[in-house]
Amino acid sequence: MSAKANLAPVIIKRKKIIRGGGHHGGAWKVAYADFVTAMMAFFMLMWLLNATTEQQRKGLADYFSPTIPIVRVSGGGSGSFGGESIFSEMTMPKNGTGASASRPAAEDKARGASGNDPDAREIAAQDEVFESLDEMLQGHGGESVVMENVLEHIVTRITDEGLVIEIFSRDDLQIFENGTAVPTALMHDLALLIAQVSKTVTNDIAIGSHVRAQPLVLKESSVWELSQQRATQMRLLLEGQNIESARIQRVTGHADREPVVRDPMALRNDRIKIVLLRDAS
């Protein structure tokens, strides 16, 4: 009995093994954090695309371009640009996809951004004159209700050629009698208004006439003759308002070849364009 009492007790240890379930640790948190970070980056990208201009996006793209620059002028390697960086004077201007300070892009010159370029300064100065003429033209609208109705037939824009003043017919009122080159009372008012504005400068003038297409059932179409006659009539109206004939450099008829609306027979295509030409440099 005493011998059995001296025996060490037997301890049975059971190890619980769980297969196919249970706690997975924190790996899912890492994956979720990566997902949230990716979504945040995605929405930031969408916001940047919407909030930046095309020029700013081009700058961002150039920043992340795979170049290998060592100094600002030469990359010194055999990377994407053949050992030159995007800042090189001859790399990007050669293929027409970029520019540099000494070789600005064409649109840079058009804005007159280069302060040392006399041509750019001249273009900028002429643009300021055209803008003031446009404001002067639109400013006449406050004089009377009749004048406001007249201005509904005028649109203006500044182009490389100069200040374009386009006058056109509307369904309620036409600038010429239907199918003829006889100017209406509206056309006389418009000619007077444009002449007053044109007298404030000395720029040469070009006149172009466009007419709407005629039905195909007609045996002979007179669009060429009609457009030429209307352009000539506009010239006579301006000269009748003391515009010097020497300032008028071009009088052309464009027939129905350049409609401004989809329907070539629409009345809106009946229009006259007066261009105050840029001064020759």
C-alpha atoms as a PDB file:
ATOM      1  CA  MET A   1       0.000   0.000   0.000  1.00  0.00           C
ATOM      2  CA  SER A   2       2.888   2.321   0.890  1.00  0.00           C
ATOM      3  CA  ALA A   3       4.705   1.467  -2.342  1.00  0.00           C
ATOM      4  CA  LYS A   4       1.778   2.668  -4.407  1.00  0.00           C
ATOM      5  CA  ALA A   5       1.622   5.877  -2.445  1.00  0.00           C
ATOM      6  CA  ASN A   6       5.190   6.774  -3.424  1.00  0.00           C
ATOM      7  CA  LEU A   7       4.458   6.633  -7.211  1.00  0.00           C
ATOM      8  CA  ALA A   8       4.481   9.996  -9.058  1.00  0.00           C
ATOM      9  CA  PRO A   9       1.067  11.106 -10.277  1.00  0.00           C
ATOM     10  CA  VAL A  10       0.384  10.716 -13.998  1.00  0.00           C
ATOM     11  CA  ILE A  11      -0.466  14.074 -15.695  1.00  0.00           C
ATOM     12  CA  ILE A  12      -2.224  13.914 -19.039  1.00  0.00           C
ATOM     13  CA  LYS A  13      -1.856  17.091 -21.151  1.00  0.00           C
ATOM     14  CA  ARG A  14      -4.309  17.470 -23.956  1.00  0.00           C
ATOM     15  CA  LYS A  15      -3.346  19.893 -26.787  1.00  0.00           C
ATOM     16  CA  LYS A  16      -6.280  21.414 -28.624  1.00  0.00           C
ATOM     17  CA  ILE A  17      -5.667  21.548 -32.370  1.00  0.00           C
ATOM     18  CA  ILE A  18      -8.059  23.653 -34.522  1.00  0.00           C
ATOM     19  CA  ARG A  19      -8.142  22.903 -38.215  1.00  0.00           C
ATOM     20  CA  GLY A  20      -9.865  25.035 -40.897  1.00  0.00           C
ATOM     21  CA  GLY A  21     -11.130  27.929 -38.806  1.00  0.00           C
ATOM     22  CA  GLY A  22     -10.536  30.101 -35.834  1.00  0.00           C
ATOM     23  CA  HIS A  23      -8.493  33.294 -35.489  1.00  0.00           C
ATOM     24  CA  HIS A  24      -6.586  34.381 -38.650  1.00  0.00           C
ATOM     25  CA  GLY A  25      -4.326  36.995 -37.116  1.00  0.00           C
ATOM     26  CA  GLY A  26      -3.993  40.574 -38.459  1.00  0.00           C
ATOM     27  CA  ALA A  27      -3.286  39.868 -42.114  1.00  0.00           C
ATOM     28  CA  TRP A  28      -6.754  41.085 -43.147  1.00  0.00           C
ATOM     29  CA  LYS A  29      -6.090  44.452 -41.553  1.00  0.00           C
ATOM     30  CA  VAL A  30      -3.008  44.943 -43.703  1.00  0.00           C
ATOM     31  CA  ALA A  31      -4.948  44.046 -46.844  1.00  0.00           C
ATOM     32  CA  TYR A  32      -7.792  46.394 -45.866  1.00  0.00           C
ATOM     33  CA  ALA A  33      -5.338  49.221 -45.201  1.00  0.00           C
ATOM     34  CA  ASP A  34      -3.765  48.696 -48.642  1.00  0.00           C
ATOM     35  CA  PHE A  35      -7.224  48.812 -50.212  1.00  0.00           C
ATOM     36  CA  VAL A  36      -8.157  52.064 -48.438  1.00  0.00           C
ATOM     37  CA  THR A  37      -4.836  53.626 -49.432  1.00  0.00           C
ATOM     38  CA  ALA A  38      -5.348  52.628 -53.065  1.00  0.00           C
ATOM     39  CA  MET A  39      -8.872  54.073 -53.066  1.00  0.00           C
ATOM     40  CA  MET A  40      -7.633  57.326 -51.550  1.00  0.00           C
ATOM     41  CA  ALA A  41      -4.928  57.576 -54.211  1.00  0.00           C
ATOM     42  CA  PHE A  42      -7.510  56.875 -56.909  1.00  0.00           C
ATOM     43  CA  PHE A  43      -9.869  59.615 -55.728  1.00  0.00           C
ATOM     44  CA  MET A  44      -6.960  62.048 -55.409  1.00  0.00           C
ATOM     45  CA  LEU A  45      -6.017  61.268 -58.996  1.00  0.00           C
ATOM     46  CA  MET A  46      -9.582  61.898 -60.161  1.00  0.00           C
ATOM     47  CA  TRP A  47      -9.636  65.204 -58.277  1.00  0.00           C
ATOM     48  CA  LEU A  48      -6.315  66.281 -59.775  1.00  0.00           C
ATOM     49  CA  LEU A  49      -7.485  65.483 -63.303  1.00  0.00           C
ATOM     50  CA  ASN A  50     -10.544  67.648 -62.741  1.00  0.00           C
ATOM     51  CA  ALA A  51      -8.822  70.502 -60.907  1.00  0.00           C
ATOM     52  CA  THR A  52      -5.750  71.017 -63.109  1.00  0.00           C
ATOM     53  CA  THR A  53      -5.314  72.509 -66.544  1.00  0.00           C
ATOM     54  CA  GLU A  54      -3.848  70.752 -69.560  1.00  0.00           C
ATOM     55  CA  GLN A  55      -0.587  72.667 -69.124  1.00  0.00           C
ATOM     56  CA  GLN A  56      -0.329  71.632 -65.466  1.00  0.00           C
ATOM     57  CA  ARG A  57      -0.986  67.988 -66.345  1.00  0.00           C
ATOM     58  CA  LYS A  58       1.740  68.193 -68.987  1.00  0.00           C
ATOM     59  CA  GLY A  59       4.113  69.494 -66.321  1.00  0.00           C
ATOM     60  CA  LEU A  60       3.226  66.621 -64.000  1.00  0.00           C
ATOM     61  CA  ALA A  61       3.785  64.122 -66.794  1.00  0.00           C
ATOM     62  CA  ASP A  62       7.175  65.632 -67.563  1.00  0.00           C
ATOM     63  CA  TYR A  63       8.113  65.453 -63.894  1.00  0.00           C
ATOM     64  CA  PHE A  64       7.512  61.704 -63.784  1.00  0.00           C
ATOM     65  CA  SER A  65       9.113  60.999 -67.163  1.00  0.00           C
ATOM     66  CA  PRO A  66      11.680  58.150 -67.008  1.00  0.00           C
ATOM     67  CA  THR A  67      14.807  60.260 -67.582  1.00  0.00           C
ATOM     68  CA  ILE A  68      18.252  59.708 -66.080  1.00  0.00           C
ATOM     69  CA  PRO A  69      19.469  63.287 -65.561  1.00  0.00           C
ATOM     70  CA  ILE A  70      22.863  64.027 -64.046  1.00  0.00           C
ATOM     71  CA  VAL A  71      22.856  67.725 -64.818  1.00  0.00           C
ATOM     72  CA  ARG A  72      20.135  69.970 -66.209  1.00  0.00           C
ATOM     73  CA  VAL A  73      21.449  69.921 -69.778  1.00  0.00           C
ATOM     74  CA  SER A  74      22.619  66.361 -70.319  1.00  0.00           C
ATOM     75  CA  GLY A  75      21.423  63.071 -68.860  1.00  0.00           C
ATOM     76  CA  GLY A  76      24.763  61.375 -69.491  1.00  0.00           C
ATOM     77  CA  GLY A  77      23.199  57.969 -70.059  1.00  0.00           C
ATOM     78  CA  SER A  78      21.434  55.888 -72.662  1.00  0.00           C
ATOM     79  CA  GLY A  79      17.909  56.267 -71.331  1.00  0.00           C
ATOM     80  CA  SER A  80      14.647  57.173 -73.017  1.00  0.00           C
ATOM     81  CA  PHE A  81      16.015  60.372 -74.549  1.00  0.00           C
ATOM     82  CA  GLY A  82      19.328  58.991 -75.789  1.00  0.00           C
ATOM     83  CA  GLY A  83      21.399  60.398 -72.931  1.00  0.00           C
ATOM     84  CA  GLU A  84      19.660  63.801 -72.776  1.00  0.00           C
ATOM     85  CA  SER A  85      17.127  65.117 -70.303  1.00  0.00           C
ATOM     86  CA  ILE A  86      13.822  66.744 -71.171  1.00  0.00           C
ATOM     87  CA  PHE A  87      15.414  70.105 -70.320  1.00  0.00           C
ATOM     88  CA  SER A  88      17.868  69.858 -73.188  1.00  0.00           C
ATOM     89  CA  GLU A  89      17.563  72.633 -75.743  1.00  0.00           C
ATOM     90  CA  MET A  90      17.453  70.218 -78.673  1.00  0.00           C
ATOM     91  CA  THR A  91      15.626  67.129 -77.435  1.00  0.00           C
ATOM     92  CA  MET A  92      11.999  68.087 -77.013  1.00  0.00           C
ATOM     93  CA  PRO A  93      11.895  70.961 -79.556  1.00  0.00           C
ATOM     94  CA  LYS A  94      13.156  68.569 -82.248  1.00  0.00           C
ATOM     95  CA  ASN A  95      10.143  66.289 -82.100  1.00  0.00           C
ATOM     96  CA  GLY A  96       7.679  69.073 -81.404  1.00  0.00           C
ATOM     97  CA  THR A  97       6.450  67.782 -78.035  1.00  0.00           C
ATOM     98  CA  GLY A  98       7.978  70.419 -75.804  1.00  0.00           C
ATOM     99  CA  ALA A  99       9.985  73.592 -75.566  1.00  0.00           C
ATOM    100  CA  SER A 100      12.459  75.431 -73.436  1.00  0.00           C
ATOM    101  CA  ALA A 101      13.033  78.959 -72.223  1.00  0.00           C
ATOM    102  CA  SER A 102      15.067  80.053 -75.233  1.00  0.00           C
ATOM    103  CA  ARG A 103      12.812  78.155 -77.658  1.00  0.00           C
ATOM    104  CA  PRO A 104       9.256  78.787 -76.395  1.00  0.00           C
ATOM    105  CA  ALA A 105       6.299  76.897 -77.807  1.00  0.00           C
ATOM    106  CA  ALA A 106       4.084  78.423 -80.476  1.00  0.00           C
ATOM    107  CA  GLU A 107       1.182  78.960 -78.054  1.00  0.00           C
ATOM    108  CA  ASP A 108       3.582  80.758 -75.711  1.00  0.00           C
ATOM    109  CA  LYS A 109       4.384  83.222 -78.474  1.00  0.00           C
ATOM    110  CA  ALA A 110       0.696  83.610 -79.324  1.00  0.00           C
ATOM    111  CA  ARG A 111       0.000  84.787 -75.782  1.00  0.00           C
ATOM    112  CA  GLY A 112       2.857  87.262 -75.934  1.00  0.00           C
ATOM    113  CA  ALA A 113       4.430  85.710 -72.844  1.00  0.00           C
ATOM    114  CA  SER A 114       7.995  86.289 -74.015  1.00  0.00           C
ATOM    115  CA  GLY A 115       8.787  89.781 -72.838  1.00  0.00           C
ATOM    116  CA  ASN A 116      11.903  90.069 -75.011  1.00  0.00           C
ATOM    117  CA  ASP A 117      10.170  89.233 -78.309  1.00  0.00           C
ATOM    118  CA  PRO A 118       9.157  92.405 -80.213  1.00  0.00           C
ATOM    119  CA  ASP A 119       6.656  90.469 -82.338  1.00  0.00           C
ATOM    120  CA  ALA A 120       5.002  89.056 -79.232  1.00  0.00           C
ATOM    121  CA  ARG A 121       4.722  92.521 -77.707  1.00  0.00           C
ATOM    122  CA  GLU A 122       3.195  93.848 -80.925  1.00  0.00           C
ATOM    123  CA  ILE A 123       0.633  91.020 -81.018  1.00  0.00           C
ATOM    124  CA  ALA A 124      -0.279  91.608 -77.386  1.00  0.00           C
ATOM    125  CA  ALA A 125      -0.695  95.342 -78.010  1.00  0.00           C
ATOM    126  CA  GLN A 126      -2.966  94.729 -80.996  1.00  0.00           C
ATOM    127  CA  ASP A 127      -5.021  92.258 -78.983  1.00  0.00           C
ATOM    128  CA  GLU A 128      -5.569  94.943 -76.348  1.00  0.00           C
ATOM    129  CA  VAL A 129      -6.773  97.345 -79.059  1.00  0.00           C
ATOM    130  CA  PHE A 130      -9.154  94.737 -80.457  1.00  0.00           C
ATOM    131  CA  GLU A 131     -10.511  94.001 -76.993  1.00  0.00           C
ATOM    132  CA  SER A 132     -11.180  97.694 -76.422  1.00  0.00           C
ATOM    133  CA  LEU A 133     -12.945  97.896 -79.798  1.00  0.00           C
ATOM    134  CA  ASP A 134     -15.057  94.901 -78.860  1.00  0.00           C
ATOM    135  CA  GLU A 135     -16.009  96.550 -75.563  1.00  0.00           C
ATOM    136  CA  MET A 136     -16.788  99.771 -77.411  1.00  0.00           C
ATOM    137  CA  LEU A 137     -19.000  97.899 -79.838  1.00  0.00           C
ATOM    138  CA  GLN A 138     -20.892  96.073 -77.105  1.00  0.00           C
ATOM    139  CA  GLY A 139     -21.109  99.262 -75.056  1.00  0.00           C
ATOM    140  CA  HIS A 140     -23.506 100.785 -77.553  1.00  0.00           C
ATOM    141  CA  GLY A 141     -26.141  98.351 -76.267  1.00  0.00           C
ATOM    142  CA  GLY A 142     -27.006 100.590 -73.316  1.00  0.00           C
ATOM    143  CA  GLU A 143     -28.187 103.503 -75.448  1.00  0.00           C
ATOM    144  CA  SER A 144     -31.596 102.191 -76.466  1.00  0.00           C
ATOM    145  CA  VAL A 145     -33.723  99.110 -76.773  1.00  0.00           C
ATOM    146  CA  VAL A 146     -33.436  99.354 -80.542  1.00  0.00           C
ATOM    147  CA  MET A 147     -29.647  99.190 -80.356  1.00  0.00           C
ATOM    148  CA  GLU A 148     -29.835  96.154 -78.049  1.00  0.00           C
ATOM    149  CA  ASN A 149     -31.933  94.413 -80.700  1.00  0.00           C
ATOM    150  CA  VAL A 150     -29.346  95.357 -83.305  1.00  0.00           C
ATOM    151  CA  LEU A 151     -26.525  93.835 -81.257  1.00  0.00           C
ATOM    152  CA  GLU A 152     -28.378  90.507 -81.218  1.00  0.00           C
ATOM    153  CA  HIS A 153     -27.260  90.195 -84.838  1.00  0.00           C
ATOM    154  CA  ILE A 154     -23.538  90.649 -84.071  1.00  0.00           C
ATOM    155  CA  VAL A 155     -20.886  88.261 -82.784  1.00  0.00           C
ATOM    156  CA  THR A 156     -17.204  89.144 -82.459  1.00  0.00           C
ATOM    157  CA  ARG A 157     -13.978  87.219 -81.932  1.00  0.00           C
ATOM    158  CA  ILE A 158     -10.244  87.900 -82.046  1.00  0.00           C
ATOM    159  CA  THR A 159      -8.280  85.645 -84.385  1.00  0.00           C
ATOM    160  CA  ASP A 160      -4.807  85.530 -85.912  1.00  0.00           C
ATOM    161  CA  GLU A 161      -6.202  87.594 -88.786  1.00  0.00           C
ATOM    162  CA  GLY A 162      -7.654  90.324 -86.603  1.00  0.00           C
ATOM    163  CA  LEU A 163     -10.950  91.351 -85.013  1.00  0.00           C
ATOM    164  CA  VAL A 164     -13.794  89.533 -86.755  1.00  0.00           C
ATOM    165  CA  ILE A 165     -17.209  91.213 -86.619  1.00  0.00           C
ATOM    166  CA  GLU A 166     -19.893  88.911 -87.945  1.00  0.00           C
ATOM    167  CA  ILE A 167     -23.400  90.171 -88.631  1.00  0.00           C
ATOM    168  CA  PHE A 168     -26.112  87.684 -89.494  1.00  0.00           C
ATOM    169  CA  SER A 169     -29.808  87.278 -90.197  1.00  0.00           C
ATOM    170  CA  ARG A 170     -32.289  85.867 -87.709  1.00  0.00           C
ATOM    171  CA  ASP A 171     -35.703  84.380 -88.213  1.00  0.00           C
ATOM    172  CA  ASP A 172     -37.376  87.560 -86.987  1.00  0.00           C
ATOM    173  CA  LEU A 173     -35.227  90.002 -88.951  1.00  0.00           C
ATOM    174  CA  GLN A 174     -32.907  89.724 -91.952  1.00  0.00           C
ATOM    175  CA  ILE A 175     -29.950  91.843 -93.004  1.00  0.00           C
ATOM    176  CA  PHE A 176     -30.848  91.664 -96.706  1.00  0.00           C
ATOM    177  CA  GLU A 177     -34.137  91.351 -98.484  1.00  0.00           C
ATOM    178  CA  ASN A 178     -34.877  87.686 -99.083  1.00  0.00           C
ATOM    179  CA  GLY A 179     -32.864  86.353-102.026  1.00  0.00           C
ATOM    180  CA  THR A 180     -31.469  89.757-102.989  1.00  0.00           C
ATOM    181  CA  ALA A 181     -28.546  92.064-102.218  1.00  0.00           C
ATOM    182  CA  VAL A 182     -30.829  94.885-101.083  1.00  0.00           C
ATOM    183  CA  PRO A 183     -29.896  95.848 -97.497  1.00  0.00           C
ATOM    184  CA  THR A 184     -32.666  96.200 -94.938  1.00  0.00           C
ATOM    185  CA  ALA A 185     -33.025  99.002 -92.403  1.00  0.00           C
ATOM    186  CA  LEU A 186     -31.312  96.714 -89.892  1.00  0.00           C
ATOM    187  CA  MET A 187     -28.308  96.418 -92.195  1.00  0.00           C
ATOM    188  CA  HIS A 188     -28.031 100.206 -92.444  1.00  0.00           C
ATOM    189  CA  ASP A 189     -28.033 100.476 -88.646  1.00  0.00           C
ATOM    190  CA  LEU A 190     -25.388  97.763 -88.371  1.00  0.00           C
ATOM    191  CA  ALA A 191     -23.189  99.428 -91.001  1.00  0.00           C
ATOM    192  CA  LEU A 192     -23.427 102.739 -89.131  1.00  0.00           C
ATOM    193  CA  LEU A 193     -22.458 101.081 -85.840  1.00  0.00           C
ATOM    194  CA  ILE A 194     -19.498  99.199 -87.325  1.00  0.00           C
ATOM    195  CA  ALA A 195     -18.284 102.280 -89.193  1.00  0.00           C
ATOM    196  CA  GLN A 196     -18.270 104.328 -85.983  1.00  0.00           C
ATOM    197  CA  VAL A 197     -16.119 101.722 -84.255  1.00  0.00           C
ATOM    198  CA  SER A 198     -13.826 101.270 -87.263  1.00  0.00           C
ATOM    199  CA  LYS A 199     -13.086 104.991 -87.439  1.00  0.00           C
ATOM    200  CA  THR A 200     -11.345 104.869 -84.069  1.00  0.00           C
ATOM    201  CA  VAL A 201      -8.481 102.832 -85.592  1.00  0.00           C
ATOM    202  CA  THR A 202      -6.593 102.780 -88.878  1.00  0.00           C
ATOM    203  CA  ASN A 203      -6.516  99.035 -89.494  1.00  0.00           C
ATOM    204  CA  ASP A 204      -7.278  97.740 -92.964  1.00  0.00           C
ATOM    205  CA  ILE A 205     -10.604  96.011 -93.526  1.00  0.00           C
ATOM    206  CA  ALA A 206     -11.618  92.772 -95.226  1.00  0.00           C
ATOM    207  CA  ILE A 207     -15.212  91.942 -96.111  1.00  0.00           C
ATOM    208  CA  GLY A 208     -16.616  88.486 -96.755  1.00  0.00           C
ATOM    209  CA  SER A 209     -20.148  87.406 -97.534  1.00  0.00           C
ATOM    210  CA  HIS A 210     -21.776  84.022 -96.910  1.00  0.00           C
ATOM    211  CA  VAL A 211     -25.239  82.954 -98.009  1.00  0.00           C
ATOM    212  CA  ARG A 212     -27.448  79.984 -97.247  1.00  0.00           C
ATOM    213  CA  ALA A 213     -27.781  77.166 -99.739  1.00  0.00           C
ATOM    214  CA  GLN A 214     -30.574  77.231-102.270  1.00  0.00           C
ATOM    215  CA  PRO A 215     -32.906  74.284-103.026  1.00  0.00           C
ATOM    216  CA  LEU A 216     -31.452  71.653-105.312  1.00  0.00           C
ATOM    217  CA  VAL A 217     -34.536  71.800-107.527  1.00  0.00           C
ATOM    218  CA  LEU A 218     -33.408  75.127-108.946  1.00  0.00           C
ATOM    219  CA  LYS A 219     -31.986  74.865-112.443  1.00  0.00           C
ATOM    220  CA  GLU A 220     -29.255  77.419-111.715  1.00  0.00           C
ATOM    221  CA  SER A 221     -27.915  78.412-108.336  1.00  0.00           C
ATOM    222  CA  SER A 222     -26.971  82.047-107.812  1.00  0.00           C
ATOM    223  CA  VAL A 223     -25.155  81.676-104.480  1.00  0.00           C
ATOM    224  CA  TRP A 224     -21.817  82.855-105.871  1.00  0.00           C
ATOM    225  CA  GLU A 225     -23.219  85.952-107.530  1.00  0.00           C
ATOM    226  CA  LEU A 226     -25.437  86.746-104.546  1.00  0.00           C
ATOM    227  CA  SER A 227     -22.644  86.484-102.017  1.00  0.00           C
ATOM    228  CA  GLN A 228     -20.368  88.675-104.128  1.00  0.00           C
ATOM    229  CA  GLN A 229     -23.113  91.285-104.579  1.00  0.00           C
ATOM    230  CA  ARG A 230     -23.807  91.371-100.835  1.00  0.00           C
ATOM    231  CA  ALA A 231     -20.113  91.782-100.020  1.00  0.00           C
ATOM    232  CA  THR A 232     -19.918  94.681-102.483  1.00  0.00           C
ATOM    233  CA  GLN A 233     -23.035  96.211-100.966  1.00  0.00           C
ATOM    234  CA  MET A 234     -21.421  96.049 -97.523  1.00  0.00           C
ATOM    235  CA  ARG A 235     -18.374  97.825 -98.889  1.00  0.00           C
ATOM    236  CA  LEU A 236     -20.571 100.590-100.293  1.00  0.00           C
ATOM    237  CA  LEU A 237     -22.382 100.978 -96.981  1.00  0.00           C
ATOM    238  CA  LEU A 238     -19.107 101.407 -95.093  1.00  0.00           C
ATOM    239  CA  GLU A 239     -17.730 103.835 -97.641  1.00  0.00           C
ATOM    240  CA  GLY A 240     -21.016 105.737 -97.352  1.00  0.00           C
ATOM    241  CA  GLN A 241     -20.194 106.209 -93.669  1.00  0.00           C
ATOM    242  CA  ASN A 242     -16.874 107.879 -94.579  1.00  0.00           C
ATOM    243  CA  ILE A 243     -14.686 104.787 -94.295  1.00  0.00           C
ATOM    244  CA  GLU A 244     -11.755 105.378 -96.651  1.00  0.00           C
ATOM    245  CA  SER A 245     -11.865 103.069 -99.644  1.00  0.00           C
ATOM    246  CA  ALA A 246      -8.089 102.553 -99.394  1.00  0.00           C
ATOM    247  CA  ARG A 247      -8.592 100.734 -96.063  1.00  0.00           C
ATOM    248  CA  ILE A 248     -10.709  98.018 -97.680  1.00  0.00           C
ATOM    249  CA  GLN A 249      -8.229  95.392 -98.851  1.00  0.00           C
ATOM    250  CA  ARG A 250     -10.476  92.454 -99.727  1.00  0.00           C
ATOM    251  CA  VAL A 251     -14.095  91.920-100.784  1.00  0.00           C
ATOM    252  CA  THR A 252     -14.992  88.262-101.301  1.00  0.00           C
ATOM    253  CA  GLY A 253     -18.055  86.116-101.783  1.00  0.00           C
ATOM    254  CA  HIS A 254     -17.937  82.624-100.247  1.00  0.00           C
ATOM    255  CA  ALA A 255     -21.333  81.423-101.514  1.00  0.00           C
ATOM    256  CA  ASP A 256     -22.745  78.601 -99.348  1.00  0.00           C
ATOM    257  CA  ARG A 257     -19.434  76.781 -98.822  1.00  0.00           C
ATOM    258  CA  GLU A 258     -18.993  77.500 -95.092  1.00  0.00           C
ATOM    259  CA  PRO A 259     -22.293  77.064 -93.222  1.00  0.00           C
ATOM    260  CA  VAL A 260     -22.239  77.757 -89.483  1.00  0.00           C
ATOM    261  CA  VAL A 261     -25.169  75.470 -88.673  1.00  0.00           C
ATOM    262  CA  ARG A 262     -25.891  71.919 -89.726  1.00  0.00           C
ATOM    263  CA  ASP A 263     -28.759  72.872 -92.031  1.00  0.00           C
ATOM    264  CA  PRO A 264     -27.108  74.571 -95.038  1.00  0.00           C
ATOM    265  CA  MET A 265     -30.424  76.245 -95.936  1.00  0.00           C
ATOM    266  CA  ALA A 266     -30.875  77.800 -92.485  1.00  0.00           C
ATOM    267  CA  LEU A 267     -31.275  81.572 -92.394  1.00  0.00           C
ATOM    268  CA  ARG A 268     -28.421  81.832 -89.873  1.00  0.00           C
ATOM    269  CA  ASN A 269     -25.984  81.089 -92.720  1.00  0.00           C
ATOM    270  CA  ASP A 270     -26.785  84.465 -94.300  1.00  0.00           C
ATOM    271  CA  ARG A 271     -24.030  86.593 -92.814  1.00  0.00           C
ATOM    272  CA  ILE A 272     -21.374  89.216 -93.485  1.00  0.00           C
ATOM    273  CA  LYS A 273     -17.913  89.149 -91.907  1.00  0.00           C
ATOM    274  CA  ILE A 274     -15.989  92.382 -91.450  1.00  0.00           C
ATOM    275  CA  VAL A 275     -12.383  91.836 -90.332  1.00  0.00           C
ATOM    276  CA  LEU A 276     -10.267  94.610 -88.880  1.00  0.00           C
ATOM    277  CA  LEU A 277      -6.931  93.243 -90.033  1.00  0.00           C
ATOM    278  CA  ARG A 278      -3.809  93.200 -87.913  1.00  0.00           C
ATOM    279  CA  ASP A 279      -1.138  95.703 -88.808  1.00  0.00           C
ATOM    280  CA  ALA A 280       1.637  94.183 -90.875  1.00  0.00           C
ATOM    281  CA  SER A 281       4.814  93.744 -88.810  1.00  0.00           C
END
